[in-house]
């Protein structure tokens, strides 16, 4: 997971350096969901003035780069982050409520209801926001409908180092560097 994070962070910095017109670049896919094994290396970038709607650049090495304008950014991030099962279940809920959910956003007929933010899409579907780490296609949509989603542990909740690896195994820093970290 840490190697995937380093790769995607570097790819994001390189993408923004090569294309300064990009407004923001966000890590998506398996890493954003916090998956232990990361197979889907994805970035979502906001590209102002994207004429033909959201698109995916041909993969750069192992990394998929999804481009979207501001009005489609949330939809693109949602679709690039959620597991297939989560997205399928979200689409089924949308259809049940008379909407469609695709790369253009959450729509009723030809009118896009939500797409700028992930929060807006969940809200328009009558759901509490589902954190990326929960988007696996378990019972998270049912729990969001009931307002019963768990509170996730964040970095602010942690005190101290719980587990660490040095460069002598599969870590990236020396023991000395880790000992001096604050």
N, C-alpha and C. Protein backbone atom coordinates (compact mmCIF):
# COMPACT_ATOMS: atom_id res chain seq x y z
N UNK A 1 0.82 -1.19 0.00
CA UNK A 1 0.00 0.00 0.00
C UNK A 1 0.87 1.27 0.00
N UNK A 2 1.95 1.28 0.80
CA UNK A 2 2.79 2.48 0.84
C UNK A 2 3.50 2.72 -0.49
N UNK A 3 3.82 1.64 -1.21
CA UNK A 3 4.46 1.81 -2.52
C UNK A 3 3.47 2.39 -3.52
N UNK A 4 2.22 1.94 -3.45
CA UNK A 4 1.18 2.49 -4.32
C UNK A 4 0.97 3.97 -4.00
N UNK A 5 0.96 4.32 -2.71
CA UNK A 5 0.79 5.72 -2.31
C UNK A 5 1.93 6.58 -2.87
N UNK A 6 3.15 6.10 -2.72
CA UNK A 6 4.31 6.86 -3.22
C UNK A 6 4.24 7.01 -4.74
N UNK A 7 3.86 5.94 -5.44
CA UNK A 7 3.75 5.98 -6.90
C UNK A 7 2.68 6.97 -7.34
N UNK A 8 1.51 6.91 -6.70
CA UNK A 8 0.42 7.81 -7.10
C UNK A 8 0.71 9.26 -6.73
N UNK A 9 1.34 9.48 -5.59
CA UNK A 9 1.70 10.85 -5.22
C UNK A 9 2.69 11.43 -6.23
N UNK A 10 3.69 10.63 -6.62
CA UNK A 10 4.67 11.09 -7.62
C UNK A 10 3.99 11.31 -8.97
N UNK A 11 3.12 10.40 -9.36
CA UNK A 11 2.41 10.54 -10.64
C UNK A 11 1.55 11.80 -10.62
N UNK A 12 0.89 12.08 -9.50
CA UNK A 12 0.07 13.29 -9.39
C UNK A 12 0.89 14.55 -9.50
N UNK A 13 2.05 14.58 -8.81
CA UNK A 13 2.94 15.75 -8.90
C UNK A 13 3.46 15.92 -10.33
N UNK A 14 3.86 14.82 -10.96
CA UNK A 14 4.37 14.89 -12.33
C UNK A 14 3.28 15.35 -13.30
N UNK A 15 2.06 14.87 -13.10
CA UNK A 15 0.95 15.27 -13.96
C UNK A 15 0.69 16.76 -13.84
N UNK A 16 0.67 17.27 -12.60
CA UNK A 16 0.43 18.71 -12.42
C UNK A 16 1.59 19.55 -12.95
N UNK A 17 2.82 19.03 -12.82
CA UNK A 17 3.97 19.77 -13.35
C UNK A 17 3.91 19.83 -14.88
N UNK A 18 3.50 18.72 -15.50
CA UNK A 18 3.42 18.68 -16.96
C UNK A 18 2.21 19.42 -17.50
N UNK A 19 1.16 19.52 -16.67
CA UNK A 19 -0.09 20.17 -17.09
C UNK A 19 -0.56 21.14 -16.01
N UNK A 20 0.08 22.31 -15.93
CA UNK A 20 -0.27 23.27 -14.87
C UNK A 20 -1.70 23.79 -14.95
N UNK A 21 -2.37 23.56 -16.06
CA UNK A 21 -3.76 24.01 -16.18
C UNK A 21 -4.72 23.16 -15.35
N UNK A 22 -4.28 22.00 -14.88
CA UNK A 22 -5.14 21.15 -14.07
C UNK A 22 -5.39 21.82 -12.72
N UNK A 23 -6.65 21.90 -12.33
CA UNK A 23 -7.03 22.57 -11.08
C UNK A 23 -6.66 21.75 -9.85
N UNK A 24 -6.90 20.45 -9.90
CA UNK A 24 -6.61 19.57 -8.77
C UNK A 24 -6.45 18.14 -9.28
N UNK A 25 -5.70 17.38 -8.54
CA UNK A 25 -5.49 15.97 -8.85
C UNK A 25 -5.71 15.20 -7.55
N UNK A 26 -6.58 14.20 -7.60
CA UNK A 26 -6.94 13.44 -6.41
C UNK A 26 -6.69 11.96 -6.65
N UNK A 27 -6.11 11.30 -5.66
CA UNK A 27 -5.93 9.85 -5.72
C UNK A 27 -7.30 9.20 -5.60
N UNK A 28 -7.54 8.17 -6.41
CA UNK A 28 -8.82 7.46 -6.42
C UNK A 28 -8.54 5.95 -6.33
N UNK A 29 -9.49 5.16 -6.74
CA UNK A 29 -9.32 3.71 -6.82
C UNK A 29 -9.11 3.03 -5.48
N UNK A 30 -8.42 1.89 -5.54
CA UNK A 30 -8.20 1.04 -4.37
C UNK A 30 -7.49 1.77 -3.24
N UNK A 31 -6.54 2.63 -3.57
CA UNK A 31 -5.78 3.32 -2.53
C UNK A 31 -6.68 4.29 -1.76
N UNK A 32 -7.54 5.01 -2.44
CA UNK A 32 -8.44 5.94 -1.76
C UNK A 32 -9.41 5.19 -0.85
N UNK A 33 -9.76 3.97 -1.23
CA UNK A 33 -10.63 3.16 -0.38
C UNK A 33 -9.85 2.52 0.77
N UNK A 34 -8.53 2.65 0.76
CA UNK A 34 -7.72 2.09 1.84
C UNK A 34 -7.56 0.59 1.74
N UNK A 35 -7.66 0.04 0.54
CA UNK A 35 -7.52 -1.40 0.35
C UNK A 35 -6.10 -1.83 0.70
N UNK A 36 -5.99 -2.98 1.31
CA UNK A 36 -4.69 -3.50 1.69
C UNK A 36 -3.87 -3.86 0.46
N UNK A 37 -4.54 -4.45 -0.54
CA UNK A 37 -3.89 -4.77 -1.81
C UNK A 37 -4.41 -3.79 -2.85
N UNK A 38 -3.50 -3.09 -3.50
CA UNK A 38 -3.88 -2.06 -4.46
C UNK A 38 -3.56 -2.54 -5.87
N UNK A 39 -4.63 -2.78 -6.64
CA UNK A 39 -4.46 -3.21 -8.02
C UNK A 39 -4.84 -2.10 -8.99
N UNK A 40 -5.72 -1.19 -8.55
CA UNK A 40 -6.23 -0.12 -9.40
C UNK A 40 -5.55 1.19 -9.01
N UNK A 41 -4.56 1.60 -9.79
CA UNK A 41 -3.84 2.86 -9.54
C UNK A 41 -4.50 3.96 -10.36
N UNK A 42 -5.28 4.80 -9.70
CA UNK A 42 -6.07 5.80 -10.41
C UNK A 42 -5.92 7.19 -9.83
N UNK A 43 -5.93 8.17 -10.72
CA UNK A 43 -5.96 9.58 -10.36
C UNK A 43 -7.14 10.22 -11.08
N UNK A 44 -7.74 11.23 -10.44
CA UNK A 44 -8.77 12.03 -11.08
C UNK A 44 -8.27 13.46 -11.10
N UNK A 45 -8.28 14.07 -12.26
CA UNK A 45 -7.78 15.44 -12.42
C UNK A 45 -8.88 16.33 -12.98
N UNK A 46 -8.98 17.54 -12.41
CA UNK A 46 -9.93 18.52 -12.94
C UNK A 46 -9.25 19.31 -14.05
N UNK A 47 -9.83 19.19 -15.23
CA UNK A 47 -9.29 19.86 -16.41
C UNK A 47 -10.31 20.90 -16.88
N UNK A 48 -10.08 22.17 -16.59
CA UNK A 48 -11.02 23.21 -17.00
C UNK A 48 -11.24 23.21 -18.51
N UNK A 49 -12.47 23.45 -18.90
CA UNK A 49 -12.78 23.57 -20.32
C UNK A 49 -12.74 22.27 -21.09
N UNK A 50 -12.87 21.14 -20.42
CA UNK A 50 -12.88 19.85 -21.10
C UNK A 50 -14.15 19.79 -21.94
N UNK A 51 -14.01 19.80 -23.24
CA UNK A 51 -15.14 19.97 -24.15
C UNK A 51 -16.05 18.75 -24.26
N UNK A 52 -15.51 17.56 -24.27
CA UNK A 52 -16.32 16.37 -24.54
C UNK A 52 -16.73 15.59 -23.30
N UNK A 53 -16.71 16.21 -22.14
CA UNK A 53 -17.09 15.53 -20.91
C UNK A 53 -15.95 14.70 -20.36
N UNK A 54 -16.23 13.98 -19.28
CA UNK A 54 -15.18 13.19 -18.63
C UNK A 54 -14.57 12.16 -19.57
N UNK A 55 -13.28 11.93 -19.39
CA UNK A 55 -12.57 10.96 -20.22
C UNK A 55 -11.44 10.35 -19.42
N UNK A 56 -10.93 9.23 -19.90
CA UNK A 56 -9.76 8.64 -19.26
C UNK A 56 -8.61 8.70 -20.25
N UNK A 57 -7.49 9.26 -19.78
CA UNK A 57 -6.29 9.25 -20.61
C UNK A 57 -5.83 7.81 -20.72
N UNK A 58 -5.16 7.49 -21.79
CA UNK A 58 -4.57 6.16 -21.85
C UNK A 58 -3.64 6.02 -20.65
N UNK A 59 -3.65 4.86 -20.08
CA UNK A 59 -2.87 4.64 -18.86
C UNK A 59 -1.42 5.03 -19.06
N UNK A 60 -0.87 5.71 -18.06
CA UNK A 60 0.54 6.08 -18.05
C UNK A 60 1.22 5.03 -17.18
N UNK A 61 1.84 4.03 -17.81
CA UNK A 61 2.37 2.90 -17.05
C UNK A 61 1.22 2.16 -16.43
N UNK A 62 1.22 2.03 -15.12
CA UNK A 62 0.16 1.33 -14.40
C UNK A 62 -0.94 2.29 -13.93
N UNK A 63 -0.78 3.58 -14.13
CA UNK A 63 -1.69 4.58 -13.56
C UNK A 63 -2.74 5.00 -14.59
N UNK A 64 -4.02 4.94 -14.17
CA UNK A 64 -5.11 5.46 -15.00
C UNK A 64 -5.36 6.90 -14.58
N UNK A 65 -5.45 7.79 -15.55
CA UNK A 65 -5.73 9.20 -15.26
C UNK A 65 -7.08 9.54 -15.86
N UNK A 66 -8.04 9.89 -14.97
CA UNK A 66 -9.38 10.28 -15.38
C UNK A 66 -9.44 11.80 -15.37
N UNK A 67 -9.91 12.39 -16.47
CA UNK A 67 -10.05 13.84 -16.56
C UNK A 67 -11.53 14.22 -16.54
N UNK A 68 -11.84 15.29 -15.81
CA UNK A 68 -13.21 15.79 -15.76
C UNK A 68 -13.18 17.29 -15.57
N UNK A 69 -14.20 17.95 -16.09
CA UNK A 69 -14.34 19.37 -15.79
C UNK A 69 -14.98 19.51 -14.41
N UNK A 70 -15.11 20.74 -13.93
CA UNK A 70 -15.61 20.99 -12.58
C UNK A 70 -17.00 20.38 -12.35
N UNK A 71 -17.88 20.46 -13.34
CA UNK A 71 -19.25 19.97 -13.15
C UNK A 71 -19.35 18.46 -13.10
N UNK A 72 -18.33 17.74 -13.56
CA UNK A 72 -18.34 16.27 -13.55
C UNK A 72 -17.31 15.68 -12.59
N UNK A 73 -16.60 16.53 -11.86
CA UNK A 73 -15.50 16.05 -11.03
C UNK A 73 -15.96 15.06 -9.97
N UNK A 74 -17.04 15.37 -9.27
CA UNK A 74 -17.53 14.49 -8.21
C UNK A 74 -17.96 13.14 -8.75
N UNK A 75 -18.65 13.15 -9.88
CA UNK A 75 -19.07 11.90 -10.51
C UNK A 75 -17.87 11.06 -10.90
N UNK A 76 -16.89 11.69 -11.52
CA UNK A 76 -15.70 10.96 -11.97
C UNK A 76 -14.95 10.39 -10.78
N UNK A 77 -14.82 11.17 -9.72
CA UNK A 77 -14.14 10.70 -8.52
C UNK A 77 -14.91 9.54 -7.89
N UNK A 78 -16.22 9.65 -7.82
CA UNK A 78 -17.06 8.59 -7.26
C UNK A 78 -16.89 7.29 -8.06
N UNK A 79 -17.00 7.38 -9.38
CA UNK A 79 -16.90 6.19 -10.23
C UNK A 79 -15.50 5.59 -10.23
N UNK A 80 -14.47 6.42 -10.10
CA UNK A 80 -13.09 5.92 -10.10
C UNK A 80 -12.67 5.38 -8.74
N UNK A 81 -13.46 5.68 -7.70
CA UNK A 81 -13.11 5.25 -6.34
C UNK A 81 -13.86 4.01 -5.90
N UNK A 82 -15.16 3.99 -6.05
CA UNK A 82 -15.98 2.90 -5.52
C UNK A 82 -15.67 1.56 -6.15
N UNK A 83 -15.86 0.49 -5.36
CA UNK A 83 -15.73 -0.85 -5.93
C UNK A 83 -16.84 -1.05 -6.97
N UNK A 84 -16.67 -1.99 -7.85
CA UNK A 84 -17.69 -2.25 -8.88
C UNK A 84 -19.02 -2.56 -8.23
N UNK A 85 -19.00 -3.35 -7.18
CA UNK A 85 -20.25 -3.71 -6.50
C UNK A 85 -20.93 -2.48 -5.90
N UNK A 86 -20.15 -1.60 -5.29
CA UNK A 86 -20.73 -0.37 -4.71
C UNK A 86 -21.36 0.48 -5.81
N UNK A 87 -20.65 0.67 -6.90
CA UNK A 87 -21.17 1.50 -8.00
C UNK A 87 -22.42 0.87 -8.60
N UNK A 88 -22.42 -0.45 -8.77
CA UNK A 88 -23.61 -1.14 -9.30
C UNK A 88 -24.81 -0.95 -8.36
N UNK A 89 -24.59 -1.09 -7.05
CA UNK A 89 -25.68 -0.93 -6.08
C UNK A 89 -26.16 0.52 -6.03
N UNK A 90 -25.25 1.47 -6.15
CA UNK A 90 -25.62 2.88 -6.18
C UNK A 90 -26.45 3.17 -7.44
N UNK A 91 -26.03 2.59 -8.58
CA UNK A 91 -26.78 2.74 -9.82
C UNK A 91 -28.18 2.14 -9.72
N UNK A 92 -28.29 0.99 -9.06
CA UNK A 92 -29.60 0.35 -8.87
C UNK A 92 -30.50 1.22 -8.00
N UNK A 93 -29.94 1.82 -6.95
CA UNK A 93 -30.72 2.72 -6.11
C UNK A 93 -31.18 3.93 -6.91
N UNK A 94 -30.27 4.47 -7.71
CA UNK A 94 -30.62 5.63 -8.55
C UNK A 94 -31.78 5.27 -9.47
N UNK A 95 -31.72 4.13 -10.14
CA UNK A 95 -32.80 3.71 -11.04
C UNK A 95 -34.11 3.54 -10.27
N UNK A 96 -34.03 2.96 -9.08
CA UNK A 96 -35.22 2.76 -8.24
C UNK A 96 -35.87 4.10 -7.90
N UNK A 97 -35.07 5.14 -7.77
CA UNK A 97 -35.59 6.47 -7.42
C UNK A 97 -35.87 7.33 -8.65
N UNK A 98 -35.78 6.73 -9.85
CA UNK A 98 -36.11 7.46 -11.07
C UNK A 98 -34.96 8.26 -11.66
N UNK A 99 -33.75 7.96 -11.24
CA UNK A 99 -32.56 8.64 -11.75
C UNK A 99 -31.74 7.67 -12.60
N UNK A 100 -30.72 8.20 -13.23
CA UNK A 100 -29.68 7.37 -13.82
C UNK A 100 -28.35 7.91 -13.31
N UNK A 101 -27.39 7.02 -13.12
CA UNK A 101 -26.06 7.41 -12.68
C UNK A 101 -25.06 6.88 -13.69
N UNK A 102 -24.38 7.80 -14.34
CA UNK A 102 -23.34 7.43 -15.29
C UNK A 102 -22.25 8.49 -15.25
N UNK A 103 -21.32 8.46 -16.17
CA UNK A 103 -20.19 9.38 -16.11
C UNK A 103 -20.58 10.85 -16.27
N UNK A 104 -21.81 11.12 -16.72
CA UNK A 104 -22.29 12.51 -16.81
C UNK A 104 -22.81 13.02 -15.48
N UNK A 105 -23.13 12.10 -14.55
CA UNK A 105 -23.63 12.50 -13.24
C UNK A 105 -24.90 11.76 -12.89
N UNK A 106 -25.57 12.25 -11.87
CA UNK A 106 -26.86 11.72 -11.45
C UNK A 106 -27.91 12.53 -12.19
N UNK A 107 -28.71 11.87 -13.01
CA UNK A 107 -29.64 12.57 -13.89
C UNK A 107 -31.06 12.04 -13.74
N UNK A 108 -31.99 12.92 -14.04
CA UNK A 108 -33.39 12.53 -14.22
C UNK A 108 -33.74 12.99 -15.62
N UNK A 109 -33.94 12.02 -16.50
CA UNK A 109 -34.13 12.35 -17.91
C UNK A 109 -32.84 12.95 -18.45
N UNK A 110 -32.94 14.09 -19.09
CA UNK A 110 -31.74 14.74 -19.63
C UNK A 110 -31.19 15.81 -18.69
N UNK A 111 -31.78 15.95 -17.51
CA UNK A 111 -31.35 16.97 -16.56
C UNK A 111 -30.41 16.36 -15.53
N UNK A 112 -29.19 16.90 -15.47
CA UNK A 112 -28.23 16.44 -14.46
C UNK A 112 -28.60 17.09 -13.14
N UNK A 113 -28.83 16.24 -12.14
CA UNK A 113 -29.23 16.69 -10.81
C UNK A 113 -28.00 16.96 -9.95
N UNK A 114 -27.00 16.08 -10.03
CA UNK A 114 -25.79 16.22 -9.21
C UNK A 114 -24.62 15.59 -9.95
N UNK A 115 -23.44 16.16 -9.75
CA UNK A 115 -22.25 15.64 -10.39
C UNK A 115 -20.99 16.38 -10.00
N UNK A 116 -21.15 17.57 -9.47
CA UNK A 116 -19.99 18.40 -9.11
C UNK A 116 -19.23 17.81 -7.93
N UNK A 117 -19.97 17.24 -6.94
CA UNK A 117 -19.33 16.66 -5.76
C UNK A 117 -19.92 15.28 -5.47
N UNK A 118 -19.12 14.45 -4.82
CA UNK A 118 -19.62 13.15 -4.38
C UNK A 118 -20.73 13.35 -3.34
N UNK A 119 -20.52 14.29 -2.42
CA UNK A 119 -21.51 14.57 -1.39
C UNK A 119 -22.86 14.92 -2.00
N UNK A 120 -22.85 15.71 -3.07
CA UNK A 120 -24.09 16.09 -3.74
C UNK A 120 -24.82 14.91 -4.34
N UNK A 121 -24.09 13.95 -4.86
CA UNK A 121 -24.71 12.76 -5.45
C UNK A 121 -25.37 11.93 -4.36
N UNK A 122 -24.63 11.66 -3.27
CA UNK A 122 -25.22 10.88 -2.18
C UNK A 122 -26.44 11.59 -1.60
N UNK A 123 -26.34 12.91 -1.41
CA UNK A 123 -27.45 13.68 -0.84
C UNK A 123 -28.68 13.61 -1.74
N UNK A 124 -28.49 13.77 -3.06
CA UNK A 124 -29.61 13.71 -3.99
C UNK A 124 -30.28 12.34 -3.99
N UNK A 125 -29.53 11.31 -3.63
CA UNK A 125 -30.10 9.96 -3.53
C UNK A 125 -30.70 9.69 -2.14
N UNK A 126 -30.65 10.69 -1.26
CA UNK A 126 -31.21 10.53 0.08
C UNK A 126 -30.31 9.75 1.01
N UNK A 127 -29.01 9.76 0.73
CA UNK A 127 -28.04 9.00 1.53
C UNK A 127 -27.11 9.92 2.29
N UNK A 128 -26.68 9.46 3.45
CA UNK A 128 -25.57 10.11 4.13
C UNK A 128 -24.33 9.87 3.28
N UNK A 129 -23.35 10.77 3.37
CA UNK A 129 -22.11 10.59 2.62
C UNK A 129 -21.42 9.30 3.05
N UNK A 130 -21.03 8.50 2.09
CA UNK A 130 -20.33 7.24 2.36
C UNK A 130 -18.85 7.46 2.10
N UNK A 131 -18.06 7.37 3.17
CA UNK A 131 -16.61 7.56 3.06
C UNK A 131 -16.02 6.54 2.08
N UNK A 132 -14.97 6.92 1.37
CA UNK A 132 -14.37 6.01 0.38
C UNK A 132 -14.02 4.64 0.96
N UNK A 133 -13.53 4.60 2.19
CA UNK A 133 -13.11 3.33 2.79
C UNK A 133 -14.25 2.34 2.97
N UNK A 134 -15.49 2.81 2.93
CA UNK A 134 -16.65 1.94 3.11
C UNK A 134 -17.28 1.48 1.79
N UNK A 135 -16.80 1.96 0.68
CA UNK A 135 -17.45 1.72 -0.61
C UNK A 135 -17.04 0.38 -1.23
N UNK A 136 -17.38 -0.68 -0.55
CA UNK A 136 -16.99 -2.02 -1.00
C UNK A 136 -18.16 -2.87 -1.48
N UNK A 137 -19.39 -2.38 -1.34
CA UNK A 137 -20.53 -3.17 -1.77
C UNK A 137 -21.01 -4.14 -0.72
N UNK A 138 -20.77 -3.81 0.54
CA UNK A 138 -21.32 -4.60 1.64
C UNK A 138 -22.72 -4.08 1.91
N UNK A 139 -22.94 -3.60 3.11
CA UNK A 139 -24.26 -3.05 3.44
C UNK A 139 -24.21 -1.53 3.65
N UNK A 140 -23.18 -0.88 3.09
CA UNK A 140 -23.00 0.56 3.35
C UNK A 140 -24.13 1.42 2.82
N UNK A 141 -24.74 1.06 1.70
CA UNK A 141 -25.83 1.88 1.15
C UNK A 141 -27.06 1.76 2.05
N UNK A 142 -27.37 0.56 2.49
CA UNK A 142 -28.48 0.35 3.41
C UNK A 142 -28.25 1.13 4.72
N UNK A 143 -27.03 1.06 5.23
CA UNK A 143 -26.71 1.77 6.47
C UNK A 143 -26.77 3.29 6.27
N UNK A 144 -26.34 3.77 5.08
CA UNK A 144 -26.41 5.21 4.80
C UNK A 144 -27.87 5.67 4.74
N UNK A 145 -28.76 4.83 4.20
CA UNK A 145 -30.19 5.19 4.15
C UNK A 145 -30.75 5.32 5.56
N UNK A 146 -30.26 4.51 6.49
CA UNK A 146 -30.74 4.53 7.88
C UNK A 146 -29.99 5.56 8.73
N UNK A 147 -28.93 6.19 8.16
CA UNK A 147 -28.12 7.12 8.93
C UNK A 147 -27.30 6.40 9.98
N UNK A 148 -26.88 5.17 9.67
CA UNK A 148 -26.20 4.30 10.62
C UNK A 148 -24.79 3.91 10.16
N UNK A 149 -24.11 4.81 9.47
CA UNK A 149 -22.75 4.51 9.04
C UNK A 149 -21.79 4.63 10.22
N UNK A 150 -20.77 3.78 10.25
CA UNK A 150 -19.81 3.88 11.37
C UNK A 150 -18.93 5.12 11.24
N UNK A 151 -18.46 5.60 12.37
CA UNK A 151 -17.49 6.69 12.39
C UNK A 151 -16.12 6.05 12.18
N UNK A 152 -15.40 6.51 11.18
CA UNK A 152 -14.10 5.92 10.87
C UNK A 152 -13.00 6.52 11.74
N UNK A 153 -12.01 5.71 12.03
CA UNK A 153 -10.82 6.18 12.73
C UNK A 153 -10.00 7.02 11.74
N UNK A 154 -9.55 8.20 12.19
CA UNK A 154 -8.73 9.06 11.33
C UNK A 154 -7.35 9.19 11.94
N UNK A 155 -6.44 9.81 11.21
CA UNK A 155 -5.09 10.04 11.72
C UNK A 155 -5.11 10.82 13.03
N UNK A 156 -6.07 11.74 13.17
CA UNK A 156 -6.17 12.54 14.41
C UNK A 156 -6.51 11.68 15.62
N UNK A 157 -7.10 10.52 15.39
CA UNK A 157 -7.46 9.62 16.50
C UNK A 157 -6.28 8.80 17.00
N UNK A 158 -5.21 8.74 16.23
CA UNK A 158 -4.07 7.89 16.58
C UNK A 158 -3.02 8.68 17.36
N UNK A 159 -2.45 8.02 18.34
CA UNK A 159 -1.38 8.61 19.14
C UNK A 159 -0.20 7.66 19.13
N UNK A 160 0.93 8.08 18.59
CA UNK A 160 2.11 7.23 18.54
C UNK A 160 2.18 6.42 17.26
N UNK A 161 3.22 5.64 17.16
CA UNK A 161 3.42 4.78 15.99
C UNK A 161 2.96 3.38 16.36
N UNK A 162 2.03 2.86 15.60
CA UNK A 162 1.46 1.55 15.90
C UNK A 162 2.26 0.41 15.29
N UNK A 163 2.88 0.68 14.15
CA UNK A 163 3.62 -0.37 13.44
C UNK A 163 4.48 0.31 12.38
N UNK A 164 5.70 -0.10 12.24
CA UNK A 164 6.58 0.55 11.27
C UNK A 164 7.55 -0.47 10.67
N UNK A 165 7.96 -0.21 9.44
CA UNK A 165 8.95 -1.03 8.75
C UNK A 165 10.07 -0.10 8.28
N UNK A 166 11.30 -0.55 8.38
CA UNK A 166 12.44 0.23 7.88
C UNK A 166 12.79 -0.26 6.48
N UNK A 167 13.80 0.37 5.90
CA UNK A 167 14.26 -0.06 4.57
C UNK A 167 14.98 -1.40 4.61
N UNK A 168 15.17 -1.97 5.79
CA UNK A 168 15.76 -3.31 5.90
C UNK A 168 14.76 -4.40 5.55
N UNK A 169 13.46 -4.04 5.49
CA UNK A 169 12.45 -5.00 5.03
C UNK A 169 11.71 -4.34 3.87
N UNK A 170 10.45 -4.06 4.04
CA UNK A 170 9.69 -3.45 2.95
C UNK A 170 9.34 -1.98 3.22
N UNK A 171 10.04 -1.34 4.16
CA UNK A 171 9.86 0.09 4.42
C UNK A 171 10.67 0.94 3.46
N UNK A 172 10.49 2.24 3.57
CA UNK A 172 11.20 3.14 2.65
C UNK A 172 12.24 4.02 3.34
N UNK A 173 12.21 4.09 4.70
CA UNK A 173 13.14 4.94 5.42
C UNK A 173 14.08 4.09 6.30
N UNK A 174 15.23 4.69 6.60
CA UNK A 174 16.19 4.01 7.50
C UNK A 174 15.66 4.09 8.93
N UNK A 175 16.21 3.26 9.78
CA UNK A 175 15.86 3.28 11.21
C UNK A 175 16.21 4.64 11.80
N UNK A 176 17.35 5.20 11.40
CA UNK A 176 17.79 6.50 11.92
C UNK A 176 16.78 7.59 11.55
N UNK A 177 16.32 7.60 10.29
CA UNK A 177 15.35 8.60 9.84
C UNK A 177 14.05 8.46 10.61
N UNK A 178 13.62 7.24 10.82
CA UNK A 178 12.38 7.01 11.55
C UNK A 178 12.50 7.43 13.01
N UNK A 179 13.66 7.19 13.62
CA UNK A 179 13.86 7.54 15.02
C UNK A 179 13.85 9.07 15.21
N UNK A 180 14.29 9.81 14.19
CA UNK A 180 14.36 11.27 14.30
C UNK A 180 13.04 11.96 13.91
N UNK A 181 12.11 11.19 13.35
CA UNK A 181 10.82 11.77 12.92
C UNK A 181 10.02 12.21 14.14
N UNK A 182 9.28 13.28 13.96
CA UNK A 182 8.43 13.77 15.06
C UNK A 182 6.99 13.49 14.80
